[in-house]
């Protein structure tokens, strides 16, 4: 089976897949729910945490790369990162 582009590069940091999987388990939702389009308060909190953790653990990734992985607009990711930085 062909690996997705985000799993090909070897690095010592956790992958976005690992980060989102851990957060999904913590919130008792599926990874597909976090990446999907449903809007519930729990999914919103899980997504926000995913944005924050990815920003902290993977500063090498651009907002475009994170957005493609999470099926979001890159402006949504940048807005979340600015919001995190202001807090």
C-alpha atoms as a PDB file:
ATOM      1  CA  UNK A   1       0.000   0.000   0.000  1.00  0.00           C
ATOM      2  CA  UNK A   2       1.289   3.454  -0.878  1.00  0.00           C
ATOM      3  CA  UNK A   3       2.021   5.682   2.110  1.00  0.00           C
ATOM      4  CA  UNK A   4       0.567   9.208   2.267  1.00  0.00           C
ATOM      5  CA  UNK A   5       3.001  12.081   1.645  1.00  0.00           C
ATOM      6  CA  UNK A   6       3.060  13.046   5.334  1.00  0.00           C
ATOM      7  CA  UNK A   7       4.350   9.611   6.368  1.00  0.00           C
ATOM      8  CA  UNK A   8       7.179   9.406   3.837  1.00  0.00           C
ATOM      9  CA  UNK A   9       9.575  11.893   5.451  1.00  0.00           C
ATOM     10  CA  UNK A  10      11.439  10.374   8.368  1.00  0.00           C
ATOM     11  CA  UNK A  11      11.938  12.654  11.352  1.00  0.00           C
ATOM     12  CA  UNK A  12      12.382  12.415  15.090  1.00  0.00           C
ATOM     13  CA  UNK A  13       9.113  14.246  15.760  1.00  0.00           C
ATOM     14  CA  UNK A  14       5.634  12.750  15.909  1.00  0.00           C
ATOM     15  CA  UNK A  15       3.703  12.796  12.673  1.00  0.00           C
ATOM     16  CA  UNK A  16       0.453  14.700  12.244  1.00  0.00           C
ATOM     17  CA  UNK A  17      -1.284  11.329  12.062  1.00  0.00           C
ATOM     18  CA  UNK A  18       0.034  10.343  15.491  1.00  0.00           C
ATOM     19  CA  UNK A  19      -0.887  13.703  17.000  1.00  0.00           C
ATOM     20  CA  UNK A  20      -4.443  13.693  15.648  1.00  0.00           C
ATOM     21  CA  UNK A  21      -4.923  10.026  16.616  1.00  0.00           C
ATOM     22  CA  UNK A  22      -3.940  10.761  20.213  1.00  0.00           C
ATOM     23  CA  UNK A  23      -6.271  13.767  20.391  1.00  0.00           C
ATOM     24  CA  UNK A  24      -9.125  11.774  18.832  1.00  0.00           C
ATOM     25  CA  UNK A  25      -8.701   9.122  21.517  1.00  0.00           C
ATOM     26  CA  UNK A  26      -8.690  11.730  24.253  1.00  0.00           C
ATOM     27  CA  UNK A  27     -11.966  13.247  23.006  1.00  0.00           C
ATOM     28  CA  UNK A  28     -13.507   9.833  22.172  1.00  0.00           C
ATOM     29  CA  UNK A  29     -14.029  10.711  18.498  1.00  0.00           C
ATOM     30  CA  UNK A  30     -12.684   9.250  15.290  1.00  0.00           C
ATOM     31  CA  UNK A  31      -9.832  10.793  13.312  1.00  0.00           C
ATOM     32  CA  UNK A  32     -12.277  10.949  10.384  1.00  0.00           C
ATOM     33  CA  UNK A  33     -14.547  13.144  12.524  1.00  0.00           C
ATOM     34  CA  UNK A  34     -11.744  15.609  13.261  1.00  0.00           C
ATOM     35  CA  UNK A  35     -10.833  15.766   9.581  1.00  0.00           C
ATOM     36  CA  UNK A  36     -14.472  15.798   8.461  1.00  0.00           C
ATOM     37  CA  UNK A  37     -16.943  18.651   8.098  1.00  0.00           C
ATOM     38  CA  UNK A  38     -19.295  18.006  11.033  1.00  0.00           C
ATOM     39  CA  UNK A  39     -19.489  20.851  13.514  1.00  0.00           C
ATOM     40  CA  UNK A  40     -20.078  19.997  17.156  1.00  0.00           C
ATOM     41  CA  UNK A  41     -18.567  21.594  20.260  1.00  0.00           C
ATOM     42  CA  UNK A  42     -16.489  18.486  21.013  1.00  0.00           C
ATOM     43  CA  UNK A  43     -15.093  18.335  17.477  1.00  0.00           C
ATOM     44  CA  UNK A  44     -14.332  22.045  17.587  1.00  0.00           C
ATOM     45  CA  UNK A  45     -12.312  21.621  20.775  1.00  0.00           C
ATOM     46  CA  UNK A  46     -10.509  18.574  19.355  1.00  0.00           C
ATOM     47  CA  UNK A  47      -9.643  20.444  16.147  1.00  0.00           C
ATOM     48  CA  UNK A  48      -8.380  23.469  18.068  1.00  0.00           C
ATOM     49  CA  UNK A  49      -6.179  21.250  20.207  1.00  0.00           C
ATOM     50  CA  UNK A  50      -4.878  19.521  17.077  1.00  0.00           C
ATOM     51  CA  UNK A  51      -3.978  22.892  15.526  1.00  0.00           C
ATOM     52  CA  UNK A  52      -2.188  23.958  18.722  1.00  0.00           C
ATOM     53  CA  UNK A  53      -0.270  20.724  19.273  1.00  0.00           C
ATOM     54  CA  UNK A  54       0.825  20.500  15.642  1.00  0.00           C
ATOM     55  CA  UNK A  55       2.048  24.104  15.792  1.00  0.00           C
ATOM     56  CA  UNK A  56       4.118  23.398  18.922  1.00  0.00           C
ATOM     57  CA  UNK A  57       5.477  19.971  17.969  1.00  0.00           C
ATOM     58  CA  UNK A  58       5.899  20.515  14.230  1.00  0.00           C
ATOM     59  CA  UNK A  59       7.047  24.106  13.576  1.00  0.00           C
ATOM     60  CA  UNK A  60       8.621  22.824  10.354  1.00  0.00           C
ATOM     61  CA  UNK A  61       5.178  22.441   8.738  1.00  0.00           C
ATOM     62  CA  UNK A  62       3.417  25.265   6.921  1.00  0.00           C
ATOM     63  CA  UNK A  63      -0.210  26.190   7.410  1.00  0.00           C
ATOM     64  CA  UNK A  64      -0.868  24.846   3.902  1.00  0.00           C
ATOM     65  CA  UNK A  65       0.528  21.424   4.744  1.00  0.00           C
ATOM     66  CA  UNK A  66      -1.477  21.237   7.978  1.00  0.00           C
ATOM     67  CA  UNK A  67      -4.606  22.455   6.173  1.00  0.00           C
ATOM     68  CA  UNK A  68      -4.308  19.782   3.473  1.00  0.00           C
ATOM     69  CA  UNK A  69      -3.916  17.080   6.101  1.00  0.00           C
ATOM     70  CA  UNK A  70      -6.869  18.297   8.201  1.00  0.00           C
ATOM     71  CA  UNK A  71      -9.074  19.090   5.187  1.00  0.00           C
ATOM     72  CA  UNK A  72      -9.307  22.779   6.082  1.00  0.00           C
ATOM     73  CA  UNK A  73      -8.461  26.127   4.500  1.00  0.00           C
ATOM     74  CA  UNK A  74      -4.958  27.369   5.256  1.00  0.00           C
ATOM     75  CA  UNK A  75      -6.457  30.656   6.483  1.00  0.00           C
ATOM     76  CA  UNK A  76      -8.357  28.689   9.143  1.00  0.00           C
ATOM     77  CA  UNK A  77      -5.094  27.209  10.399  1.00  0.00           C
ATOM     78  CA  UNK A  78      -3.317  30.586  10.394  1.00  0.00           C
ATOM     79  CA  UNK A  79      -6.205  32.161  12.308  1.00  0.00           C
ATOM     80  CA  UNK A  80      -6.042  29.388  14.940  1.00  0.00           C
ATOM     81  CA  UNK A  81      -2.277  29.860  15.268  1.00  0.00           C
ATOM     82  CA  UNK A  82      -2.617  33.630  15.698  1.00  0.00           C
ATOM     83  CA  UNK A  83      -5.319  33.058  18.301  1.00  0.00           C
ATOM     84  CA  UNK A  84      -3.026  30.626  20.152  1.00  0.00           C
ATOM     85  CA  UNK A  85      -0.117  33.068  20.011  1.00  0.00           C
ATOM     86  CA  UNK A  86      -2.245  35.912  21.422  1.00  0.00           C
ATOM     87  CA  UNK A  87      -3.387  33.802  24.383  1.00  0.00           C
END
